[in-house]
Amino acid sequence: MHAPSVAAVSNGNVVSPPPVAVTRDDVQRALEQHGGNRAAASRALGIGRTTLWRLMKT
């Protein structure tokens, strides 16, 4: 039996897959790929801009 890769339906509700840990290095690479555009980088990583900022701060 294969596990669903995107989302599963449980009791009529869509259940998202568990989040993937994003590292500071991931943030740096995403920012480089998107020319420093924080909104685009956060969208590409699947995190919020505030989370991206928090990761950059540490």
N, C-alpha and C. Protein backbone atom coordinates (compact mmCIF):
# COMPACT_ATOMS: atom_id res chain seq x y z
N MET A 1 0.85 -1.18 0.00
CA MET A 1 0.00 0.00 0.00
C MET A 1 0.89 1.24 0.00
N HIS A 2 0.56 2.21 -0.84
CA HIS A 2 1.36 3.43 -0.96
C HIS A 2 0.75 4.54 -0.12
N ALA A 3 1.61 5.30 0.54
CA ALA A 3 1.16 6.45 1.32
C ALA A 3 0.91 7.62 0.38
N PRO A 4 -0.13 8.41 0.61
CA PRO A 4 -0.37 9.58 -0.23
C PRO A 4 0.75 10.59 -0.08
N SER A 5 1.12 11.26 -1.18
CA SER A 5 2.26 12.17 -1.13
C SER A 5 1.86 13.62 -0.86
N VAL A 6 0.62 14.00 -1.14
CA VAL A 6 0.25 15.40 -0.99
C VAL A 6 -0.63 15.62 0.23
N ALA A 7 -1.76 14.97 0.30
CA ALA A 7 -2.67 15.14 1.43
C ALA A 7 -3.54 13.90 1.54
N ALA A 8 -4.03 13.66 2.73
CA ALA A 8 -4.91 12.52 2.96
C ALA A 8 -6.25 13.04 3.45
N VAL A 9 -7.28 12.25 3.26
CA VAL A 9 -8.60 12.62 3.73
C VAL A 9 -8.94 11.72 4.90
N SER A 10 -9.24 12.32 6.03
CA SER A 10 -9.58 11.59 7.23
C SER A 10 -10.88 12.15 7.79
N ASN A 11 -11.91 11.34 7.84
CA ASN A 11 -13.22 11.78 8.34
C ASN A 11 -13.74 13.00 7.58
N GLY A 12 -13.45 13.07 6.29
CA GLY A 12 -13.93 14.18 5.48
C GLY A 12 -13.07 15.43 5.55
N ASN A 13 -12.03 15.43 6.37
CA ASN A 13 -11.14 16.59 6.49
C ASN A 13 -9.83 16.30 5.77
N VAL A 14 -9.30 17.31 5.11
CA VAL A 14 -8.01 17.16 4.44
C VAL A 14 -6.92 17.34 5.48
N VAL A 15 -5.99 16.40 5.51
CA VAL A 15 -4.88 16.46 6.46
C VAL A 15 -3.61 16.73 5.67
N SER A 16 -2.90 17.79 6.03
CA SER A 16 -1.66 18.14 5.34
C SER A 16 -0.53 17.25 5.82
N PRO A 17 0.47 17.05 4.96
CA PRO A 17 1.64 16.28 5.40
C PRO A 17 2.39 17.05 6.47
N PRO A 18 3.20 16.38 7.27
CA PRO A 18 3.94 17.10 8.31
C PRO A 18 4.91 18.10 7.69
N PRO A 19 5.14 19.23 8.36
CA PRO A 19 6.04 20.24 7.80
C PRO A 19 7.48 19.74 7.76
N VAL A 20 8.22 20.25 6.81
CA VAL A 20 9.63 19.92 6.66
C VAL A 20 10.43 21.02 7.34
N ALA A 21 11.44 20.65 8.12
CA ALA A 21 12.26 21.64 8.81
C ALA A 21 13.06 22.46 7.80
N VAL A 22 12.94 23.77 7.89
CA VAL A 22 13.67 24.68 7.01
C VAL A 22 14.84 25.25 7.81
N THR A 23 16.02 25.18 7.26
CA THR A 23 17.21 25.67 7.95
C THR A 23 17.60 27.05 7.45
N ARG A 24 18.51 27.67 8.16
CA ARG A 24 19.01 28.99 7.76
C ARG A 24 19.69 28.91 6.40
N ASP A 25 20.38 27.80 6.14
CA ASP A 25 21.02 27.62 4.83
C ASP A 25 19.98 27.58 3.71
N ASP A 26 18.84 26.92 3.97
CA ASP A 26 17.74 26.88 2.99
C ASP A 26 17.25 28.29 2.70
N VAL A 27 17.13 29.10 3.75
CA VAL A 27 16.67 30.48 3.60
C VAL A 27 17.67 31.27 2.75
N GLN A 28 18.96 31.12 3.04
CA GLN A 28 19.98 31.84 2.27
C GLN A 28 19.93 31.47 0.79
N ARG A 29 19.81 30.17 0.50
CA ARG A 29 19.73 29.72 -0.90
C ARG A 29 18.49 30.28 -1.60
N ALA A 30 17.35 30.24 -0.89
CA ALA A 30 16.11 30.75 -1.48
C ALA A 30 16.22 32.24 -1.75
N LEU A 31 16.82 32.98 -0.84
CA LEU A 31 16.98 34.42 -1.04
C LEU A 31 17.89 34.70 -2.24
N GLU A 32 18.94 33.92 -2.40
CA GLU A 32 19.82 34.09 -3.55
C GLU A 32 19.09 33.79 -4.85
N GLN A 33 18.29 32.72 -4.83
CA GLN A 33 17.56 32.33 -6.04
C GLN A 33 16.50 33.35 -6.43
N HIS A 34 15.98 34.08 -5.44
CA HIS A 34 14.90 35.04 -5.71
C HIS A 34 15.38 36.49 -5.60
N GLY A 35 16.68 36.68 -5.77
CA GLY A 35 17.22 38.04 -5.82
C GLY A 35 16.97 38.85 -4.56
N GLY A 36 16.93 38.20 -3.41
CA GLY A 36 16.72 38.90 -2.15
C GLY A 36 15.26 39.19 -1.83
N ASN A 37 14.35 38.77 -2.68
CA ASN A 37 12.92 39.00 -2.48
C ASN A 37 12.42 38.04 -1.38
N ARG A 38 12.18 38.58 -0.19
CA ARG A 38 11.80 37.75 0.96
C ARG A 38 10.44 37.09 0.79
N ALA A 39 9.50 37.81 0.20
CA ALA A 39 8.16 37.23 0.00
C ALA A 39 8.23 36.04 -0.95
N ALA A 40 8.98 36.18 -2.04
CA ALA A 40 9.11 35.08 -3.01
C ALA A 40 9.86 33.91 -2.40
N ALA A 41 10.90 34.20 -1.63
CA ALA A 41 11.69 33.14 -0.99
C ALA A 41 10.84 32.37 0.02
N SER A 42 10.05 33.08 0.81
CA SER A 42 9.21 32.40 1.81
C SER A 42 8.14 31.55 1.12
N ARG A 43 7.57 32.03 0.02
CA ARG A 43 6.59 31.23 -0.72
C ARG A 43 7.24 29.96 -1.27
N ALA A 44 8.45 30.10 -1.80
CA ALA A 44 9.15 28.94 -2.36
C ALA A 44 9.46 27.90 -1.28
N LEU A 45 9.73 28.36 -0.07
CA LEU A 45 10.05 27.45 1.03
C LEU A 45 8.79 26.92 1.73
N GLY A 46 7.65 27.55 1.45
CA GLY A 46 6.41 27.11 2.09
C GLY A 46 6.30 27.57 3.53
N ILE A 47 6.93 28.71 3.84
CA ILE A 47 6.87 29.27 5.20
C ILE A 47 6.39 30.71 5.09
N GLY A 48 5.99 31.29 6.21
CA GLY A 48 5.57 32.68 6.23
C GLY A 48 6.76 33.62 6.24
N ARG A 49 6.52 34.88 5.87
CA ARG A 49 7.60 35.86 5.87
C ARG A 49 8.15 36.08 7.28
N THR A 50 7.30 36.02 8.29
CA THR A 50 7.76 36.19 9.66
C THR A 50 8.69 35.05 10.06
N THR A 51 8.35 33.83 9.67
CA THR A 51 9.21 32.68 9.96
C THR A 51 10.53 32.82 9.24
N LEU A 52 10.51 33.28 7.99
CA LEU A 52 11.73 33.50 7.25
C LEU A 52 12.60 34.54 7.97
N TRP A 53 12.00 35.63 8.42
CA TRP A 53 12.71 36.66 9.14
C TRP A 53 13.33 36.09 10.43
N ARG A 54 12.55 35.28 11.13
CA ARG A 54 13.02 34.68 12.39
C ARG A 54 14.23 33.78 12.14
N LEU A 55 14.19 33.00 11.06
CA LEU A 55 15.31 32.13 10.73
C LEU A 55 16.54 32.94 10.33
N MET A 56 16.35 34.06 9.66
CA MET A 56 17.47 34.91 9.26
C MET A 56 18.12 35.56 10.48
N LYS A 57 17.30 35.86 11.48
CA LYS A 57 17.76 36.58 12.66
C LYS A 57 18.69 35.74 13.53
N THR A 58 18.51 34.43 13.54
CA THR A 58 19.30 33.57 14.43
C THR A 58 20.65 33.26 13.88
